[in-house]
Amino acid sequence: MNKTETKSEVYTWIKSVLLALLIVVLVRSFLLSSSVVMGESMSPTFEHNDRLVISKISDIERFDMVVFHAPDADDYYVKRVIGLPGDTIEIDEEVLYVNGEAIQEPYIAESEEEEDSPITRKTDFTLEEMTGQSSVPDQNLFVLGDNRMNSKDSRFFGFIHEDDVIGKVKFRYFPFTGIGIPR
């Protein structure tokens, strides 16, 4: 290989690496990102230190899991969207009602209340009791953790604004035993 061929080969590699870096930056900025679950508030769906892929461009629907800027900390939370704008929410005798309709929740944790947990919230409530609003306001979401007895969620900090949502959970890639699309 002569000097010209070597320069050409190096130049080709540099272009390839720069293009790959540009693609990674664009994908992470506009399409996908990753997040780490901290804590047990989404148990049994997610456990502490689970690694997730989130989509920044997906439409959010009821019961989707989202990552958002925590309204009460410099952190991110992962929670399940229970209420969309205009929805009424109530939990009565541990049954969720959205717009007056009873909803089955196979994903919630079946755990005993921890007496010493600072985050524990009563499970029965109406939206108006918790937030002073009869329905979810425009451009806001009402979110709950799957581990209702130990979750810092909309019962604690109120609604989250749609602009605070980073993305919708699409895939768990770690731990390897839990790889897949979460439900």
N, C-alpha and C. Protein backbone atom coordinates (compact mmCIF):
# COMPACT_ATOMS: atom_id res chain seq x y z
N MET A 1 0.85 -1.17 0.00
CA MET A 1 0.00 0.00 0.00
C MET A 1 0.90 1.24 0.00
N ASN A 2 0.70 2.13 -0.96
CA ASN A 2 1.53 3.32 -1.01
C ASN A 2 0.92 4.42 -0.13
N LYS A 3 1.59 5.54 -0.07
CA LYS A 3 1.22 6.64 0.82
C LYS A 3 -0.15 7.23 0.45
N THR A 4 -0.45 7.37 -0.82
CA THR A 4 -1.73 7.91 -1.28
C THR A 4 -2.88 6.99 -0.90
N GLU A 5 -2.67 5.69 -1.08
CA GLU A 5 -3.71 4.72 -0.71
C GLU A 5 -3.95 4.72 0.80
N THR A 6 -2.90 4.87 1.59
CA THR A 6 -3.01 4.91 3.05
C THR A 6 -3.81 6.14 3.48
N LYS A 7 -3.49 7.31 2.89
CA LYS A 7 -4.22 8.54 3.20
C LYS A 7 -5.69 8.39 2.84
N SER A 8 -5.96 7.80 1.71
CA SER A 8 -7.34 7.60 1.26
C SER A 8 -8.08 6.68 2.23
N GLU A 9 -7.42 5.61 2.67
CA GLU A 9 -8.03 4.67 3.60
C GLU A 9 -8.31 5.35 4.95
N VAL A 10 -7.37 6.13 5.47
CA VAL A 10 -7.55 6.84 6.73
C VAL A 10 -8.69 7.85 6.60
N TYR A 11 -8.74 8.58 5.50
CA TYR A 11 -9.79 9.55 5.25
C TYR A 11 -11.16 8.87 5.22
N THR A 12 -11.24 7.72 4.58
CA THR A 12 -12.49 6.96 4.51
C THR A 12 -12.94 6.54 5.91
N TRP A 13 -12.01 6.08 6.73
CA TRP A 13 -12.34 5.68 8.11
C TRP A 13 -12.81 6.88 8.93
N ILE A 14 -12.14 8.00 8.79
CA ILE A 14 -12.53 9.20 9.54
C ILE A 14 -13.95 9.63 9.14
N LYS A 15 -14.25 9.63 7.85
CA LYS A 15 -15.59 9.98 7.38
C LYS A 15 -16.63 9.01 7.95
N SER A 16 -16.32 7.74 7.96
CA SER A 16 -17.25 6.73 8.46
C SER A 16 -17.52 6.92 9.95
N VAL A 17 -16.47 7.16 10.72
CA VAL A 17 -16.62 7.36 12.16
C VAL A 17 -17.42 8.63 12.44
N LEU A 18 -17.12 9.71 11.74
CA LEU A 18 -17.85 10.96 11.94
C LEU A 18 -19.32 10.83 11.56
N LEU A 19 -19.60 10.12 10.48
CA LEU A 19 -20.98 9.89 10.08
C LEU A 19 -21.72 9.07 11.14
N ALA A 20 -21.07 8.04 11.65
CA ALA A 20 -21.68 7.22 12.70
C ALA A 20 -21.96 8.05 13.95
N LEU A 21 -21.02 8.90 14.34
CA LEU A 21 -21.23 9.77 15.51
C LEU A 21 -22.38 10.74 15.27
N LEU A 22 -22.46 11.31 14.08
CA LEU A 22 -23.55 12.21 13.74
C LEU A 22 -24.90 11.51 13.84
N ILE A 23 -24.97 10.30 13.33
CA ILE A 23 -26.22 9.52 13.39
C ILE A 23 -26.60 9.25 14.84
N VAL A 24 -25.64 8.86 15.66
CA VAL A 24 -25.91 8.59 17.08
C VAL A 24 -26.44 9.85 17.77
N VAL A 25 -25.80 10.99 17.53
CA VAL A 25 -26.22 12.24 18.16
C VAL A 25 -27.64 12.60 17.71
N LEU A 26 -27.94 12.47 16.43
CA LEU A 26 -29.27 12.80 15.93
C LEU A 26 -30.33 11.86 16.50
N VAL A 27 -30.06 10.56 16.55
CA VAL A 27 -31.02 9.60 17.08
C VAL A 27 -31.27 9.89 18.56
N ARG A 28 -30.21 10.10 19.34
CA ARG A 28 -30.37 10.37 20.78
C ARG A 28 -31.06 11.70 21.04
N SER A 29 -30.85 12.68 20.19
CA SER A 29 -31.45 13.99 20.40
C SER A 29 -32.92 14.03 20.02
N PHE A 30 -33.31 13.33 18.97
CA PHE A 30 -34.64 13.49 18.43
C PHE A 30 -35.53 12.25 18.43
N LEU A 31 -34.96 11.06 18.47
CA LEU A 31 -35.77 9.86 18.32
C LEU A 31 -35.82 8.97 19.55
N LEU A 32 -34.68 8.50 19.99
CA LEU A 32 -34.60 7.52 21.08
C LEU A 32 -33.60 7.97 22.14
N SER A 33 -33.81 7.49 23.34
CA SER A 33 -32.86 7.73 24.42
C SER A 33 -32.92 6.52 25.34
N SER A 34 -32.08 6.52 26.35
CA SER A 34 -32.15 5.44 27.33
C SER A 34 -32.36 6.04 28.71
N SER A 35 -32.85 5.21 29.61
CA SER A 35 -33.11 5.66 30.97
C SER A 35 -32.90 4.49 31.92
N VAL A 36 -32.61 4.81 33.16
CA VAL A 36 -32.42 3.81 34.20
C VAL A 36 -33.51 3.98 35.24
N VAL A 37 -34.14 2.88 35.62
CA VAL A 37 -35.17 2.91 36.66
C VAL A 37 -34.48 3.02 38.02
N MET A 38 -34.91 3.99 38.81
CA MET A 38 -34.38 4.16 40.15
C MET A 38 -35.52 3.93 41.14
N GLY A 39 -35.35 2.98 42.03
CA GLY A 39 -36.37 2.72 43.04
C GLY A 39 -37.32 1.60 42.65
N GLU A 40 -38.33 1.42 43.49
CA GLU A 40 -39.26 0.29 43.35
C GLU A 40 -40.68 0.73 43.02
N SER A 41 -40.89 1.99 42.63
CA SER A 41 -42.24 2.48 42.44
C SER A 41 -42.97 1.86 41.25
N MET A 42 -42.26 1.25 40.33
CA MET A 42 -42.90 0.61 39.18
C MET A 42 -42.87 -0.92 39.27
N SER A 43 -42.52 -1.44 40.43
CA SER A 43 -42.50 -2.88 40.63
C SER A 43 -43.93 -3.40 40.59
N PRO A 44 -44.22 -4.50 40.00
CA PRO A 44 -43.35 -5.52 39.45
C PRO A 44 -42.99 -5.32 37.97
N THR A 45 -43.53 -4.28 37.33
CA THR A 45 -43.24 -4.06 35.91
C THR A 45 -41.76 -3.80 35.68
N PHE A 46 -41.18 -2.89 36.46
CA PHE A 46 -39.76 -2.59 36.39
C PHE A 46 -39.18 -2.66 37.80
N GLU A 47 -37.93 -3.05 37.86
CA GLU A 47 -37.21 -3.11 39.13
C GLU A 47 -36.08 -2.08 39.13
N HIS A 48 -35.55 -1.81 40.30
CA HIS A 48 -34.42 -0.88 40.44
C HIS A 48 -33.29 -1.28 39.50
N ASN A 49 -32.75 -0.32 38.77
CA ASN A 49 -31.63 -0.47 37.84
C ASN A 49 -31.98 -1.12 36.50
N ASP A 50 -33.27 -1.34 36.23
CA ASP A 50 -33.64 -1.79 34.88
C ASP A 50 -33.24 -0.70 33.90
N ARG A 51 -32.83 -1.09 32.70
CA ARG A 51 -32.43 -0.15 31.65
C ARG A 51 -33.49 -0.17 30.56
N LEU A 52 -33.91 1.03 30.14
CA LEU A 52 -35.02 1.17 29.20
C LEU A 52 -34.63 1.99 27.99
N VAL A 53 -35.28 1.70 26.86
CA VAL A 53 -35.19 2.54 25.67
C VAL A 53 -36.50 3.30 25.60
N ILE A 54 -36.40 4.63 25.42
CA ILE A 54 -37.59 5.45 25.32
C ILE A 54 -37.65 6.14 23.97
N SER A 55 -38.86 6.26 23.45
CA SER A 55 -39.10 6.94 22.18
C SER A 55 -39.52 8.37 22.48
N LYS A 56 -38.86 9.32 21.83
CA LYS A 56 -39.18 10.73 22.01
C LYS A 56 -40.25 11.22 21.05
N ILE A 57 -40.67 10.37 20.12
CA ILE A 57 -41.63 10.82 19.10
C ILE A 57 -42.96 10.06 19.13
N SER A 58 -43.13 9.14 20.03
CA SER A 58 -44.37 8.35 20.09
C SER A 58 -45.49 9.15 20.75
N ASP A 59 -46.70 8.95 20.25
CA ASP A 59 -47.87 9.53 20.90
C ASP A 59 -48.11 8.80 22.21
N ILE A 60 -48.57 9.55 23.20
CA ILE A 60 -48.80 8.97 24.53
C ILE A 60 -50.28 8.65 24.67
N GLU A 61 -50.53 7.41 25.09
CA GLU A 61 -51.89 6.94 25.30
C GLU A 61 -52.03 6.50 26.75
N ARG A 62 -53.28 6.34 27.18
CA ARG A 62 -53.54 5.88 28.53
C ARG A 62 -52.88 4.52 28.75
N PHE A 63 -52.27 4.36 29.90
CA PHE A 63 -51.58 3.17 30.38
C PHE A 63 -50.18 2.99 29.79
N ASP A 64 -49.73 3.91 28.95
CA ASP A 64 -48.33 3.90 28.51
C ASP A 64 -47.45 4.25 29.70
N MET A 65 -46.22 3.77 29.69
CA MET A 65 -45.25 4.15 30.70
C MET A 65 -44.36 5.22 30.10
N VAL A 66 -44.16 6.31 30.86
CA VAL A 66 -43.40 7.44 30.36
C VAL A 66 -42.28 7.81 31.32
N VAL A 67 -41.25 8.41 30.76
CA VAL A 67 -40.16 8.99 31.55
C VAL A 67 -40.35 10.50 31.46
N PHE A 68 -40.27 11.17 32.61
CA PHE A 68 -40.49 12.62 32.63
C PHE A 68 -39.61 13.27 33.68
N HIS A 69 -39.44 14.58 33.53
CA HIS A 69 -38.70 15.37 34.52
C HIS A 69 -39.51 15.39 35.81
N ALA A 70 -38.90 14.99 36.91
CA ALA A 70 -39.58 14.97 38.20
C ALA A 70 -39.93 16.40 38.59
N PRO A 71 -41.18 16.66 38.96
CA PRO A 71 -41.56 18.02 39.34
C PRO A 71 -41.04 18.43 40.71
N ASP A 72 -40.56 17.47 41.49
CA ASP A 72 -40.13 17.76 42.86
C ASP A 72 -38.66 17.43 43.12
N ALA A 73 -37.90 17.17 42.06
CA ALA A 73 -36.48 16.81 42.24
C ALA A 73 -35.73 17.02 40.93
N ASP A 74 -34.42 17.06 41.01
CA ASP A 74 -33.59 17.11 39.80
C ASP A 74 -33.33 15.68 39.34
N ASP A 75 -34.36 15.06 38.84
CA ASP A 75 -34.28 13.65 38.50
C ASP A 75 -35.33 13.34 37.43
N TYR A 76 -35.40 12.08 37.04
CA TYR A 76 -36.42 11.61 36.12
C TYR A 76 -37.22 10.53 36.81
N TYR A 77 -38.51 10.46 36.50
CA TYR A 77 -39.36 9.41 37.03
C TYR A 77 -39.91 8.59 35.86
N VAL A 78 -40.19 7.33 36.15
CA VAL A 78 -40.89 6.45 35.22
C VAL A 78 -42.21 6.11 35.90
N LYS A 79 -43.32 6.41 35.23
CA LYS A 79 -44.65 6.11 35.77
C LYS A 79 -45.58 5.72 34.63
N ARG A 80 -46.75 5.23 35.00
CA ARG A 80 -47.77 4.83 34.04
C ARG A 80 -48.81 5.96 33.91
N VAL A 81 -49.16 6.31 32.68
CA VAL A 81 -50.16 7.34 32.43
C VAL A 81 -51.54 6.73 32.70
N ILE A 82 -52.24 7.32 33.65
CA ILE A 82 -53.58 6.86 34.01
C ILE A 82 -54.63 7.82 33.44
N GLY A 83 -54.35 9.12 33.51
CA GLY A 83 -55.31 10.10 33.05
C GLY A 83 -54.77 11.01 31.97
N LEU A 84 -55.55 11.16 30.90
CA LEU A 84 -55.25 12.08 29.81
C LEU A 84 -56.12 13.33 29.98
N PRO A 85 -55.83 14.41 29.25
CA PRO A 85 -56.63 15.62 29.39
C PRO A 85 -58.13 15.33 29.24
N GLY A 86 -58.91 15.87 30.20
CA GLY A 86 -60.36 15.70 30.20
C GLY A 86 -60.85 14.50 30.98
N ASP A 87 -59.96 13.57 31.36
CA ASP A 87 -60.36 12.37 32.09
C ASP A 87 -60.70 12.69 33.54
N THR A 88 -61.65 11.92 34.09
CA THR A 88 -61.89 11.91 35.53
C THR A 88 -61.29 10.62 36.07
N ILE A 89 -60.70 10.70 37.25
CA ILE A 89 -60.00 9.56 37.85
C ILE A 89 -60.50 9.36 39.27
N GLU A 90 -60.70 8.10 39.62
CA GLU A 90 -61.08 7.76 40.99
C GLU A 90 -60.61 6.34 41.27
N ILE A 91 -60.16 6.13 42.50
CA ILE A 91 -59.91 4.76 42.96
C ILE A 91 -60.79 4.57 44.18
N ASP A 92 -61.67 3.57 44.10
CA ASP A 92 -62.59 3.28 45.18
C ASP A 92 -62.48 1.80 45.50
N GLU A 93 -62.18 1.51 46.76
CA GLU A 93 -61.95 0.14 47.21
C GLU A 93 -60.95 -0.57 46.31
N GLU A 94 -59.89 0.16 45.98
CA GLU A 94 -58.75 -0.32 45.18
C GLU A 94 -59.10 -0.68 43.75
N VAL A 95 -60.23 -0.16 43.24
CA VAL A 95 -60.61 -0.33 41.84
C VAL A 95 -60.44 1.03 41.16
N LEU A 96 -59.71 1.05 40.05
CA LEU A 96 -59.50 2.27 39.28
C LEU A 96 -60.70 2.53 38.39
N TYR A 97 -61.19 3.78 38.43
CA TYR A 97 -62.26 4.22 37.53
C TYR A 97 -61.73 5.38 36.71
N VAL A 98 -61.79 5.24 35.39
CA VAL A 98 -61.44 6.32 34.48
C VAL A 98 -62.70 6.69 33.73
N ASN A 99 -63.10 7.94 33.88
CA ASN A 99 -64.35 8.43 33.27
C ASN A 99 -65.55 7.56 33.66
N GLY A 100 -65.53 7.10 34.94
CA GLY A 100 -66.63 6.32 35.47
C GLY A 100 -66.60 4.84 35.15
N GLU A 101 -65.64 4.41 34.35
CA GLU A 101 -65.56 3.00 33.95
C GLU A 101 -64.48 2.28 34.76
N ALA A 102 -64.86 1.14 35.36
CA ALA A 102 -63.90 0.33 36.12
C ALA A 102 -62.86 -0.26 35.17
N ILE A 103 -61.60 -0.17 35.58
CA ILE A 103 -60.49 -0.62 34.74
C ILE A 103 -59.74 -1.74 35.46
N GLN A 104 -59.48 -2.83 34.75
CA GLN A 104 -58.63 -3.91 35.27
C GLN A 104 -57.17 -3.45 35.20
N GLU A 105 -56.41 -3.69 36.24
CA GLU A 105 -55.01 -3.30 36.28
C GLU A 105 -54.13 -4.49 36.64
N PRO A 106 -53.85 -5.36 35.69
CA PRO A 106 -53.05 -6.55 36.00
C PRO A 106 -51.59 -6.23 36.32
N TYR A 107 -51.16 -5.03 36.06
CA TYR A 107 -49.76 -4.63 36.23
C TYR A 107 -49.43 -4.10 37.63
N ILE A 108 -50.43 -3.80 38.46
CA ILE A 108 -50.10 -3.19 39.75
C ILE A 108 -49.54 -4.20 40.73
N ALA A 109 -48.68 -3.70 41.60
CA ALA A 109 -48.04 -4.55 42.60
C ALA A 109 -49.05 -4.96 43.66
N GLU A 110 -48.97 -6.19 44.06
CA GLU A 110 -49.82 -6.69 45.13
C GLU A 110 -48.96 -6.83 46.37
N SER A 111 -48.67 -5.66 46.99
CA SER A 111 -47.79 -5.69 48.16
C SER A 111 -48.50 -5.09 49.36
N GLU A 112 -48.04 -5.46 50.52
CA GLU A 112 -48.59 -4.91 51.75
C GLU A 112 -48.02 -3.51 51.96
N GLU A 113 -48.83 -2.65 52.56
CA GLU A 113 -48.39 -1.28 52.84
C GLU A 113 -47.23 -1.32 53.82
N GLU A 114 -46.19 -0.56 53.50
CA GLU A 114 -45.04 -0.46 54.39
C GLU A 114 -45.27 0.71 55.33
N GLU A 115 -45.42 0.41 56.61
CA GLU A 115 -45.73 1.44 57.60
C GLU A 115 -44.70 2.55 57.64
N ASP A 116 -43.43 2.22 57.44
CA ASP A 116 -42.38 3.23 57.59
C ASP A 116 -42.02 3.93 56.27
N SER A 117 -42.72 3.65 55.20
CA SER A 117 -42.41 4.28 53.93
C SER A 117 -42.89 5.73 53.92
N PRO A 118 -41.98 6.69 53.64
CA PRO A 118 -42.39 8.10 53.62
C PRO A 118 -43.23 8.44 52.39
N ILE A 119 -43.28 7.56 51.41
CA ILE A 119 -43.98 7.84 50.16
C ILE A 119 -45.38 7.23 50.15
N THR A 120 -45.67 6.36 51.07
CA THR A 120 -46.94 5.65 51.07
C THR A 120 -48.10 6.64 51.01
N ARG A 121 -49.04 6.39 50.12
CA ARG A 121 -50.23 7.23 49.95
C ARG A 121 -51.44 6.33 50.03
N LYS A 122 -52.55 6.89 50.49
CA LYS A 122 -53.77 6.08 50.51
C LYS A 122 -54.12 5.71 49.07
N THR A 123 -54.68 4.53 48.92
CA THR A 123 -54.97 4.07 47.56
C THR A 123 -56.32 4.56 47.07
N ASP A 124 -57.31 4.78 47.94
CA ASP A 124 -58.62 5.25 47.49
C ASP A 124 -58.62 6.78 47.47
N PHE A 125 -59.10 7.36 46.35
CA PHE A 125 -59.14 8.82 46.23
C PHE A 125 -59.98 9.21 45.02
N THR A 126 -60.33 10.48 44.97
CA THR A 126 -60.90 11.06 43.75
C THR A 126 -59.89 12.08 43.25
N LEU A 127 -59.96 12.37 41.98
CA LEU A 127 -59.05 13.35 41.39
C LEU A 127 -59.20 14.70 42.08
N GLU A 128 -60.42 15.06 42.38
CA GLU A 128 -60.65 16.36 43.03
C GLU A 128 -60.04 16.41 44.43
N GLU A 129 -60.13 15.30 45.16
CA GLU A 129 -59.49 15.22 46.49
C GLU A 129 -57.99 15.45 46.39
N MET A 130 -57.38 14.83 45.41
CA MET A 130 -55.92 14.87 45.29
C MET A 130 -55.40 16.17 44.69
N THR A 131 -56.14 16.73 43.73
CA THR A 131 -55.58 17.86 42.96
C THR A 131 -56.42 19.12 43.01
N GLY A 132 -57.66 19.02 43.49
CA GLY A 132 -58.54 20.18 43.46
C GLY A 132 -59.20 20.38 42.10
N GLN A 133 -58.93 19.50 41.15
CA GLN A 133 -59.52 19.56 39.80
C GLN A 133 -60.45 18.37 39.62
N SER A 134 -61.56 18.57 38.90
CA SER A 134 -62.48 17.45 38.67
C SER A 134 -62.05 16.59 37.50
N SER A 135 -61.23 17.15 36.61
CA SER A 135 -60.71 16.37 35.47
C SER A 135 -59.28 16.81 35.18
N VAL A 136 -58.58 15.99 34.41
CA VAL A 136 -57.20 16.29 34.05
C VAL A 136 -57.20 17.50 33.10
N PRO A 137 -56.46 18.57 33.44
CA PRO A 137 -56.43 19.77 32.59
C PRO A 137 -55.75 19.51 31.24
N ASP A 138 -56.05 20.38 30.26
CA ASP A 138 -55.40 20.31 28.95
C ASP A 138 -53.89 20.31 29.11
N GLN A 139 -53.21 19.57 28.26
CA GLN A 139 -51.75 19.48 28.19
C GLN A 139 -51.13 18.91 29.46
N ASN A 140 -51.91 18.18 30.25
CA ASN A 140 -51.40 17.55 31.47
C ASN A 140 -51.75 16.07 31.48
N LEU A 141 -51.03 15.35 32.33
CA LEU A 141 -51.24 13.91 32.50
C LEU A 141 -51.31 13.61 33.99
N PHE A 142 -52.05 12.57 34.35
CA PHE A 142 -52.09 12.06 35.71
C PHE A 142 -51.40 10.71 35.67
N VAL A 143 -50.33 10.55 36.45
CA VAL A 143 -49.52 9.33 36.41
C VAL A 143 -49.48 8.65 37.78
N LEU A 144 -49.40 7.33 37.75
CA LEU A 144 -49.26 6.54 38.97
C LEU A 144 -48.19 5.48 38.77
N GLY A 145 -47.53 5.12 39.87
CA GLY A 145 -46.61 4.00 39.84
C GLY A 145 -47.38 2.70 39.96
N ASP A 146 -46.83 1.62 39.44
CA ASP A 146 -47.48 0.31 39.54
C ASP A 146 -47.46 -0.22 40.97
N ASN A 147 -46.47 0.18 41.74
CA ASN A 147 -46.39 -0.19 43.16
C ASN A 147 -47.07 0.93 43.95
N ARG A 148 -48.39 0.90 43.95
CA ARG A 148 -49.19 2.01 44.48
C ARG A 148 -48.90 2.33 45.93
N MET A 149 -48.48 1.34 46.70
CA MET A 149 -48.24 1.58 48.12
C MET A 149 -46.89 2.25 48.37
N ASN A 150 -46.05 2.35 47.36
CA ASN A 150 -44.74 2.94 47.56
C ASN A 150 -44.31 3.68 46.29
N SER A 151 -45.11 4.66 45.90
CA SER A 151 -44.81 5.39 44.68
C SER A 151 -45.05 6.88 44.87
N LYS A 152 -44.06 7.64 44.51
CA LYS A 152 -44.18 9.10 44.49
C LYS A 152 -44.69 9.46 43.11
N ASP A 153 -45.97 9.80 43.02
CA ASP A 153 -46.61 10.00 41.71
C ASP A 153 -47.57 11.17 41.78
N SER A 154 -48.53 11.23 40.88
CA SER A 154 -49.45 12.38 40.82
C SER A 154 -50.27 12.55 42.09
N ARG A 155 -50.40 11.51 42.89
CA ARG A 155 -51.07 11.67 44.18
C ARG A 155 -50.24 12.55 45.11
N PHE A 156 -48.94 12.59 44.86
CA PHE A 156 -48.01 13.34 45.69
C PHE A 156 -47.72 14.73 45.10
N PHE A 157 -47.42 14.79 43.78
CA PHE A 157 -47.00 16.07 43.19
C PHE A 157 -47.97 16.64 42.17
N GLY A 158 -49.12 16.01 41.96
CA GLY A 158 -50.12 16.54 41.05
C GLY A 158 -49.86 16.14 39.60
N PHE A 159 -50.46 16.89 38.70
CA PHE A 159 -50.35 16.59 37.28
C PHE A 159 -48.94 16.86 36.77
N ILE A 160 -48.60 16.20 35.66
CA ILE A 160 -47.36 16.56 34.97
C ILE A 160 -47.74 17.15 33.62
N HIS A 161 -47.00 18.15 33.23
CA HIS A 161 -47.26 18.80 31.95
C HIS A 161 -46.68 17.94 30.84
N GLU A 162 -47.38 17.88 29.71
CA GLU A 162 -46.91 17.08 28.57
C GLU A 162 -45.50 17.48 28.12
N ASP A 163 -45.14 18.75 28.29
CA ASP A 163 -43.80 19.21 27.91
C ASP A 163 -42.69 18.62 28.78
N ASP A 164 -43.05 18.13 29.97
CA ASP A 164 -42.06 17.53 30.86
C ASP A 164 -41.78 16.07 30.53
N VAL A 165 -42.58 15.49 29.64
CA VAL A 165 -42.37 14.09 29.26
C VAL A 165 -41.20 14.01 28.30
N ILE A 166 -40.24 13.16 28.63
CA ILE A 166 -39.07 12.94 27.77
C ILE A 166 -39.40 11.93 26.70
N GLY A 167 -40.13 10.88 27.09
CA GLY A 167 -40.48 9.88 26.10
C GLY A 167 -41.28 8.74 26.68
N LYS A 168 -41.73 7.90 25.78
CA LYS A 168 -42.55 6.73 26.10
C LYS A 168 -41.64 5.50 26.14
N VAL A 169 -41.79 4.69 27.17
CA VAL A 169 -40.99 3.47 27.31
C VAL A 169 -41.37 2.50 26.20
N LYS A 170 -40.36 2.03 25.47
CA LYS A 170 -40.60 1.11 24.36
C LYS A 170 -40.00 -0.28 24.58
N PHE A 171 -38.90 -0.35 25.35
CA PHE A 171 -38.16 -1.60 25.41
C PHE A 171 -37.29 -1.64 26.66
N ARG A 172 -37.20 -2.80 27.31
CA ARG A 172 -36.25 -3.00 28.41
C ARG A 172 -35.10 -3.85 27.86
N TYR A 173 -33.87 -3.36 28.00
CA TYR A 173 -32.72 -4.10 27.48
C TYR A 173 -31.81 -4.65 28.57
N PHE A 174 -32.10 -4.34 29.83
CA PHE A 174 -31.33 -4.90 30.93
C PHE A 174 -32.23 -4.90 32.15
N PRO A 175 -32.22 -5.97 32.94
CA PRO A 175 -31.38 -7.15 32.88
C PRO A 175 -31.76 -8.05 31.70
N PHE A 176 -30.81 -8.85 31.30
CA PHE A 176 -31.00 -9.69 30.14
C PHE A 176 -32.17 -10.67 30.30
N THR A 177 -32.44 -11.06 31.54
CA THR A 177 -33.57 -11.97 31.77
C THR A 177 -34.91 -11.28 31.57
N GLY A 178 -34.92 -9.95 31.55
CA GLY A 178 -36.16 -9.21 31.37
C GLY A 178 -36.26 -8.48 30.05
N ILE A 179 -35.40 -8.81 29.10
CA ILE A 179 -35.40 -8.11 27.82
C ILE A 179 -36.76 -8.26 27.15
N GLY A 180 -37.25 -7.14 26.63
CA GLY A 180 -38.50 -7.22 25.88
C GLY A 180 -39.31 -5.94 25.98
N ILE A 181 -40.49 -6.01 25.41
CA ILE A 181 -41.41 -4.89 25.41
C ILE A 181 -42.26 -4.99 26.68
N PRO A 182 -42.18 -4.01 27.56
CA PRO A 182 -42.93 -4.08 28.82
C PRO A 182 -44.42 -3.86 28.59
N ARG A 183 -45.20 -4.44 29.45
CA ARG A 183 -46.67 -4.30 29.37
C ARG A 183 -47.19 -3.53 30.56
